[in-house]
Amino acid sequence: MTSRERFLRALRHQEADRVPISDAPWETTIARWRREGLPKDKSPFDYFGYERIAQGVDLSFQLPKVTREETETCKIVKDGFGATTRVFKGQESVPELVDFTITDRRTWEEHKPRMAWNDSRVAWDSGVKANRAWREKGLFVTYQAGAFGYDLVQRFAGAPRVLEGMMDDPAWVKDMIDTIADLIITAVEEMLRRGFQFDGAFIADDMGYRNGPFFSPAMYRHFEFPSQKRLCDFFHSQGMPVILHTDGDVRKLVPMFVEAGFDCLQPLEVKAGMDVIELKKQYGDRLAFMGGIDVRAMAHPDPTVIEREVARKIPVAKHGGGYIYHADHSVPDNVSFQQYQRVMELVKRYGAFS
């Protein structure tokens, strides 16, 4: 059975030979694994047999990227959105947002024309070539929006400003989210017309943290839901199931994710209360799940801890289809190569259907 077949069966709530496998180790994690035995000529994707691969487009304003300052410990960079970030060297962390070009409706209107579609947003020749090669290998190839909606808007305007704007100038915030959705739909239509083929879509929109969503269900309904539903409807019209990535405790929003048309929810952050077993009980007939395996258990020195985690969750989550393995977070660098090899062994054992 190919990776594509496994993914599609899971997303259709059908059992396969085993659950599909996907994961996302940090770069510092990969560097550790290389020191501990990961072959130099193998990526974790190839070595561990990850089955989903993604391609996307440049959704930025396409402003010139500039390094403003560099020290031994960090770089301060102005990115394609005009956001200035501090990036720390030798460690994995979310870049610290320092300053923004988009600060209000006026600066947004000035830069909005830069969100129009143009050919330079896609690496056409190399992208189509890679797309064809991955599909020939039977991988599950997704269109991926690295960020969308609130998640992307806060990256170029700042979270406090966007959350305040939802109250003080809702039309401005909604216009930014809608404009990004317009660009994604136009881009994917053009990519499909010019040779790309996708098996599904992966939309990243972090809407929560450990204690709950960043905004109320009513605000989600007003700001996020219309564009998310429009994207789901578009992708479904192209025969593409849609996976939603959002960190944090978003349990209050899950019924509306189902209504919007998402086919799968990822990554199910355990420390935020996202329990794949409970979610499966409540929504398993309408929503597939990808993730929910606690990275803290992976890093625990007692190997029985991760076995209990996998053995308790995967047999329930996989029943009747509808489950894809993924950690509940990017795999951090406190997980050793040996520990992660054990994780993969357990996933294949407990994730088998026969």
Protein backbone atom coordinates (compact mmCIF):
# COMPACT_ATOMS: atom_id res chain seq x y z
CA MET A 1 0.00 0.00 0.00
CA THR A 2 1.38 3.44 -0.89
CA SER A 3 1.62 6.39 1.47
CA ARG A 4 -1.02 8.18 -0.59
CA GLU A 5 -3.41 5.28 -0.18
CA ARG A 6 -2.80 5.10 3.59
CA PHE A 7 -3.43 8.82 4.05
CA LEU A 8 -6.54 8.88 1.91
CA ARG A 9 -8.00 5.84 3.66
CA ALA A 10 -7.37 7.44 7.05
CA LEU A 11 -8.97 10.70 5.94
CA ARG A 12 -11.98 8.76 4.62
CA HIS A 13 -12.33 6.91 7.96
CA GLN A 14 -11.25 3.60 6.47
CA GLU A 15 -8.70 1.15 7.85
CA ALA A 16 -5.53 0.36 5.90
CA ASP A 17 -2.56 -1.91 6.62
CA ARG A 18 -1.31 0.50 9.31
CA VAL A 19 -1.70 4.14 10.30
CA PRO A 20 0.14 6.68 8.10
CA ILE A 21 3.25 8.31 9.57
CA SER A 22 4.24 11.97 9.53
CA ASP A 23 6.36 14.08 11.87
CA ALA A 24 8.39 17.30 12.14
CA PRO A 25 11.66 17.21 14.13
CA TRP A 26 13.43 20.49 14.89
CA GLU A 27 16.64 21.26 13.04
CA THR A 28 18.52 21.04 16.34
CA THR A 29 16.91 17.64 16.89
CA ILE A 30 18.14 16.45 13.51
CA ALA A 31 21.64 17.74 14.35
CA ARG A 32 21.55 15.72 17.60
CA TRP A 33 20.34 12.61 15.81
CA ARG A 34 23.20 12.88 13.33
CA ARG A 35 25.66 12.88 16.23
CA GLU A 36 23.87 9.83 17.65
CA GLY A 37 23.63 7.67 14.54
CA LEU A 38 21.33 9.14 11.89
CA PRO A 39 23.25 8.52 8.63
CA LYS A 40 24.71 11.65 7.06
CA ASP A 41 23.23 10.79 3.68
CA LYS A 42 19.71 10.27 5.04
CA SER A 43 17.11 12.80 6.09
CA PRO A 44 14.71 11.86 8.91
CA PHE A 45 11.98 11.89 6.25
CA ASP A 46 13.69 9.11 4.30
CA TYR A 47 15.18 7.22 7.24
CA PHE A 48 11.95 6.97 9.22
CA GLY A 49 9.64 6.76 6.23
CA TYR A 50 7.51 9.86 6.70
CA GLU A 51 4.67 9.78 4.21
CA ARG A 52 3.41 13.34 3.74
CA ILE A 53 5.33 16.03 1.88
CA ALA A 54 4.24 19.59 1.18
CA GLN A 55 4.60 22.40 -1.32
CA GLY A 56 3.40 25.97 -1.03
CA VAL A 57 3.75 29.48 -2.34
CA ASP A 58 5.18 32.76 -1.14
CA LEU A 59 2.25 34.50 0.59
CA SER A 60 4.27 37.54 1.68
CA PHE A 61 4.37 41.14 0.48
CA GLN A 62 7.61 40.11 -1.25
CA LEU A 63 9.54 42.92 0.38
CA PRO A 64 13.33 42.55 0.31
CA LYS A 65 14.73 40.48 3.16
CA VAL A 66 17.38 42.36 5.11
CA THR A 67 19.68 41.29 7.96
CA ARG A 68 19.83 44.35 10.18
CA GLU A 69 22.18 42.99 12.81
CA GLU A 70 24.04 39.77 13.54
CA THR A 71 25.87 38.65 16.66
CA GLU A 72 27.25 35.33 17.87
CA THR A 73 23.90 34.47 19.45
CA CYS A 74 21.23 35.92 17.15
CA LYS A 75 20.27 37.66 13.94
CA ILE A 76 17.80 40.51 13.56
CA VAL A 77 16.08 40.15 10.20
CA LYS A 78 13.41 42.10 8.33
CA ASP A 79 11.35 39.59 6.37
CA GLY A 80 9.18 39.62 3.25
CA PHE A 81 6.25 41.01 5.25
CA GLY A 82 8.32 43.86 6.62
CA ALA A 83 8.26 42.31 10.09
CA THR A 84 11.50 42.55 12.05
CA THR A 85 12.34 39.40 13.99
CA ARG A 86 15.13 38.30 16.30
CA VAL A 87 16.22 34.76 15.44
CA PHE A 88 18.35 32.94 18.00
CA LYS A 89 21.19 30.77 16.73
CA GLY A 90 21.78 27.18 17.78
CA GLN A 91 18.38 26.73 19.36
CA GLU A 92 14.83 26.12 18.23
CA SER A 93 12.34 28.77 19.22
CA VAL A 94 9.66 30.93 17.68
CA PRO A 95 11.41 34.06 16.31
CA GLU A 96 10.88 37.08 18.55
CA LEU A 97 8.80 39.70 16.75
CA VAL A 98 10.46 43.08 17.27
CA ASP A 99 8.82 45.57 14.90
CA PHE A 100 6.20 45.72 12.14
CA THR A 101 5.58 47.61 8.91
CA ILE A 102 1.83 46.93 9.10
CA THR A 103 0.56 48.88 12.09
CA ASP A 104 -2.94 50.04 11.06
CA ARG A 105 -5.48 50.13 8.25
CA ARG A 106 -3.51 52.80 6.36
CA THR A 107 -0.26 50.79 6.21
CA TRP A 108 -2.26 47.70 5.26
CA GLU A 109 -3.95 49.53 2.38
CA GLU A 110 -0.55 50.77 1.19
CA HIS A 111 0.84 47.22 1.09
CA LYS A 112 -2.28 45.28 0.12
CA PRO A 113 -1.52 45.52 -3.65
CA ARG A 114 1.61 43.48 -2.92
CA MET A 115 -0.67 40.54 -2.03
CA ALA A 116 -1.76 40.20 -5.65
CA TRP A 117 -0.90 37.01 -7.50
CA ASN A 118 2.25 36.91 -9.63
CA ASP A 119 4.36 34.11 -11.10
CA SER A 120 7.36 34.77 -8.86
CA ARG A 121 5.49 33.30 -5.88
CA VAL A 122 6.16 29.74 -7.13
CA ALA A 123 9.37 27.95 -8.16
CA TRP A 124 7.75 26.53 -11.28
CA ASP A 125 10.33 24.26 -12.93
CA SER A 126 11.86 22.74 -9.81
CA GLY A 127 8.48 22.62 -8.07
CA VAL A 128 6.67 20.70 -10.78
CA LYS A 129 9.63 18.34 -11.16
CA ALA A 130 9.69 17.58 -7.43
CA ASN A 131 5.90 17.23 -7.37
CA ARG A 132 5.97 14.60 -10.09
CA ALA A 133 8.84 12.69 -8.45
CA TRP A 134 7.09 12.57 -5.06
CA ARG A 135 3.83 11.45 -6.58
CA GLU A 136 5.63 8.71 -8.53
CA LYS A 137 6.99 7.48 -5.18
CA GLY A 138 3.42 7.27 -3.89
CA LEU A 139 3.82 9.98 -1.23
CA PHE A 140 0.86 12.00 -0.01
CA VAL A 141 1.59 15.43 -1.48
CA THR A 142 -0.20 18.41 0.05
CA TYR A 143 -0.53 22.03 -0.83
CA GLN A 144 0.58 23.74 2.38
CA ALA A 145 -0.18 27.23 3.61
CA GLY A 146 2.65 27.68 6.12
CA ALA A 147 0.35 30.10 7.92
CA PHE A 148 -3.11 31.44 7.27
CA GLY A 149 -5.78 33.60 8.84
CA TYR A 150 -5.16 35.02 12.30
CA ASP A 151 -1.86 33.14 12.53
CA LEU A 152 -0.39 34.81 9.46
CA VAL A 153 -1.88 38.24 10.11
CA GLN A 154 -0.42 38.39 13.63
CA ARG A 155 2.99 37.53 12.21
CA PHE A 156 3.07 40.65 10.07
CA ALA A 157 1.02 43.02 12.25
CA GLY A 158 1.58 41.71 15.79
CA ALA A 159 -0.82 39.72 17.97
CA PRO A 160 -1.83 42.56 20.35
CA ARG A 161 -2.59 44.86 17.41
CA VAL A 162 -4.65 42.22 15.60
CA LEU A 163 -6.63 41.22 18.69
CA GLU A 164 -7.34 44.88 19.46
CA GLY A 165 -8.27 45.40 15.81
CA MET A 166 -10.87 42.62 16.06
CA MET A 167 -12.66 44.88 18.56
CA ASP A 168 -11.83 48.37 17.26
CA ASP A 169 -11.61 47.92 13.47
CA PRO A 170 -13.04 44.50 12.59
CA ALA A 171 -13.39 45.28 8.88
CA TRP A 172 -9.61 45.83 8.64
CA VAL A 173 -8.72 42.50 10.27
CA LYS A 174 -11.31 40.63 8.23
CA ASP A 175 -10.02 42.19 5.01
CA MET A 176 -6.49 40.98 5.76
CA ILE A 177 -7.69 37.41 6.39
CA ASP A 178 -9.94 37.43 3.30
CA THR A 179 -7.15 38.79 1.09
CA ILE A 180 -4.85 35.92 2.11
CA ALA A 181 -7.59 33.40 1.29
CA ASP A 182 -8.05 35.02 -2.13
CA LEU A 183 -4.34 34.69 -2.84
CA ILE A 184 -4.23 31.02 -1.79
CA ILE A 185 -7.16 30.09 -4.03
CA THR A 186 -5.70 31.96 -7.02
CA ALA A 187 -2.27 30.41 -6.44
CA VAL A 188 -3.54 26.84 -6.18
CA GLU A 189 -5.74 27.24 -9.25
CA GLU A 190 -2.70 28.40 -11.22
CA MET A 191 -0.46 25.65 -9.82
CA LEU A 192 -2.98 22.96 -10.78
CA ARG A 193 -3.36 24.47 -14.24
CA ARG A 194 0.39 24.41 -14.80
CA GLY A 195 1.26 20.88 -13.76
CA PHE A 196 1.15 20.51 -9.98
CA GLN A 197 -0.99 17.72 -8.53
CA PHE A 198 -1.98 17.65 -4.87
CA ASP A 199 -3.59 14.88 -2.83
CA GLY A 200 -4.76 17.22 -0.09
CA ALA A 201 -4.27 20.58 1.60
CA PHE A 202 -2.62 21.44 4.92
CA ILE A 203 -3.68 24.77 6.43
CA ALA A 204 -1.76 26.12 9.44
CA ASP A 205 -3.59 28.63 11.60
CA ASP A 206 -2.57 28.64 15.27
CA MET A 207 -5.63 29.85 17.16
CA GLY A 208 -4.95 28.80 20.72
CA TYR A 209 -2.53 28.40 23.59
CA ARG A 210 -2.36 26.20 26.64
CA ASN A 211 -5.43 27.67 28.34
CA GLY A 212 -7.78 28.04 25.39
CA PRO A 213 -8.38 29.88 22.11
CA PHE A 214 -6.94 33.35 21.54
CA PHE A 215 -10.45 34.64 20.87
CA SER A 216 -14.04 33.66 21.58
CA PRO A 217 -16.06 31.25 19.45
CA ALA A 218 -18.16 34.22 18.32
CA MET A 219 -15.07 36.04 17.09
CA TYR A 220 -13.85 32.88 15.38
CA ARG A 221 -17.23 32.64 13.66
CA HIS A 222 -16.95 36.22 12.38
CA PHE A 223 -13.27 36.48 11.43
CA GLU A 224 -11.96 33.01 10.65
CA PHE A 225 -14.88 30.77 9.77
CA PRO A 226 -15.95 32.39 6.46
CA SER A 227 -12.48 32.22 4.88
CA GLN A 228 -11.75 28.77 6.28
CA LYS A 229 -15.04 27.46 4.88
CA ARG A 230 -14.31 29.08 1.53
CA LEU A 231 -10.91 27.37 1.42
CA CYS A 232 -12.38 24.00 2.42
CA ASP A 233 -15.08 24.33 -0.23
CA PHE A 234 -12.47 25.21 -2.85
CA PHE A 235 -10.12 22.36 -1.99
CA HIS A 236 -12.98 19.88 -1.84
CA SER A 237 -14.05 21.02 -5.32
CA GLN A 238 -10.58 19.92 -6.46
CA GLY A 239 -10.91 16.53 -4.73
CA MET A 240 -8.52 17.53 -1.92
CA PRO A 241 -9.23 16.75 1.76
CA VAL A 242 -8.11 19.48 4.16
CA ILE A 243 -5.99 19.11 7.30
CA LEU A 244 -6.09 21.98 9.82
CA HIS A 245 -3.06 22.64 12.01
CA THR A 246 -3.64 24.66 15.15
CA ASP A 247 -1.73 24.51 18.40
CA GLY A 248 -3.25 25.01 21.83
CA ASP A 249 -6.54 24.12 23.46
CA VAL A 250 -9.11 24.74 20.72
CA ARG A 251 -11.78 22.34 21.96
CA LYS A 252 -14.38 25.14 22.02
CA LEU A 253 -13.83 25.68 18.29
CA VAL A 254 -13.85 22.07 17.09
CA PRO A 255 -17.59 21.95 16.25
CA MET A 256 -17.09 24.92 13.94
CA PHE A 257 -14.00 23.30 12.37
CA VAL A 258 -16.29 20.42 11.42
CA GLU A 259 -18.89 22.85 10.08
CA ALA A 260 -16.25 24.70 8.04
CA GLY A 261 -15.42 21.44 6.32
CA PHE A 262 -12.03 20.45 7.68
CA ASP A 263 -11.37 16.73 7.32
CA CYS A 264 -8.62 16.36 9.92
CA LEU A 265 -7.25 18.22 12.96
CA GLN A 266 -3.54 18.34 13.87
CA PRO A 267 -1.41 18.22 16.10
CA LEU A 268 -3.57 17.79 19.27
CA GLU A 269 -1.28 19.36 21.87
CA VAL A 270 -1.46 17.15 24.95
CA LYS A 271 -0.29 19.70 27.50
CA ALA A 272 -3.11 21.97 26.30
CA GLY A 273 -5.71 19.30 27.05
CA MET A 274 -6.23 17.98 23.51
CA ASP A 275 -6.87 14.28 24.17
CA VAL A 276 -7.15 12.24 20.97
CA ILE A 277 -9.22 9.56 22.71
CA GLU A 278 -11.87 12.03 23.89
CA LEU A 279 -11.85 13.87 20.55
CA LYS A 280 -12.30 10.56 18.73
CA LYS A 281 -15.31 9.72 20.91
CA GLN A 282 -16.94 13.10 20.29
CA TYR A 283 -16.08 13.80 16.66
CA GLY A 284 -14.59 10.62 15.20
CA ASP A 285 -17.46 10.09 12.80
CA ARG A 286 -16.94 13.55 11.26
CA LEU A 287 -13.28 14.41 11.76
CA ALA A 288 -9.99 12.55 11.42
CA PHE A 289 -7.09 13.22 13.78
CA MET A 290 -3.36 13.58 13.26
CA GLY A 291 -1.08 13.72 16.28
CA GLY A 292 -1.71 13.58 20.00
CA ILE A 293 1.40 11.58 21.02
CA ASP A 294 3.07 13.51 23.83
CA VAL A 295 6.65 14.57 23.05
CA ARG A 296 7.33 14.72 26.79
CA ALA A 297 6.74 10.95 26.93
CA MET A 298 9.17 10.49 24.05
CA ALA A 299 11.90 12.24 26.03
CA HIS A 300 11.21 10.45 29.32
CA PRO A 301 14.18 8.33 30.48
CA ASP A 302 11.89 5.42 31.34
CA PRO A 303 11.04 3.67 28.01
CA THR A 304 7.81 2.27 29.44
CA VAL A 305 6.37 5.81 29.55
CA ILE A 306 6.27 6.25 25.77
CA GLU A 307 5.03 2.69 25.30
CA ARG A 308 2.09 3.38 27.61
CA GLU A 309 1.37 6.58 25.71
CA VAL A 310 1.33 4.90 22.30
CA ALA A 311 -0.39 1.71 23.48
CA ARG A 312 -3.19 3.65 25.19
CA LYS A 313 -3.93 6.07 22.36
CA ILE A 314 -3.23 4.63 18.93
CA PRO A 315 -5.40 1.48 19.14
CA VAL A 316 -8.40 3.65 20.06
CA ALA A 317 -7.61 6.47 17.63
CA LYS A 318 -7.03 4.15 14.65
CA HIS A 319 -10.21 2.09 15.11
CA GLY A 320 -12.34 2.36 12.00
CA GLY A 321 -9.73 4.58 10.35
CA GLY A 322 -9.48 8.32 10.87
CA TYR A 323 -6.05 8.53 12.53
CA ILE A 324 -2.60 9.59 11.29
CA TYR A 325 0.48 9.35 13.53
CA HIS A 326 2.21 12.61 14.43
CA ALA A 327 3.73 13.94 17.62
CA ASP A 328 1.63 16.51 19.46
CA HIS A 329 4.32 19.09 18.73
CA SER A 330 7.44 19.38 16.61
CA VAL A 331 9.88 16.79 17.99
CA PRO A 332 12.27 18.71 20.29
CA ASP A 333 15.97 18.12 20.75
CA ASN A 334 15.59 16.50 24.18
CA VAL A 335 14.44 13.36 22.32
CA SER A 336 17.43 11.18 21.49
CA PHE A 337 17.89 9.24 18.27
CA GLN A 338 17.52 5.98 20.18
CA GLN A 339 14.34 7.17 21.89
CA TYR A 340 12.83 8.27 18.60
CA GLN A 341 13.71 4.97 16.92
CA ARG A 342 11.74 3.34 19.73
CA VAL A 343 8.79 5.66 19.04
CA MET A 344 8.72 4.60 15.39
CA GLU A 345 8.85 0.91 16.37
CA LEU A 346 5.91 1.38 18.71
CA VAL A 347 3.86 3.35 16.21
CA LYS A 348 4.26 0.62 13.60
CA ARG A 349 3.43 -2.11 16.12
CA TYR A 350 0.36 -0.51 17.67
CA GLY A 351 -0.67 1.19 14.44
CA ALA A 352 -0.96 -2.03 12.43
CA PHE A 353 -4.43 -3.24 11.49
CA SER A 354 -3.50 -6.87 11.03
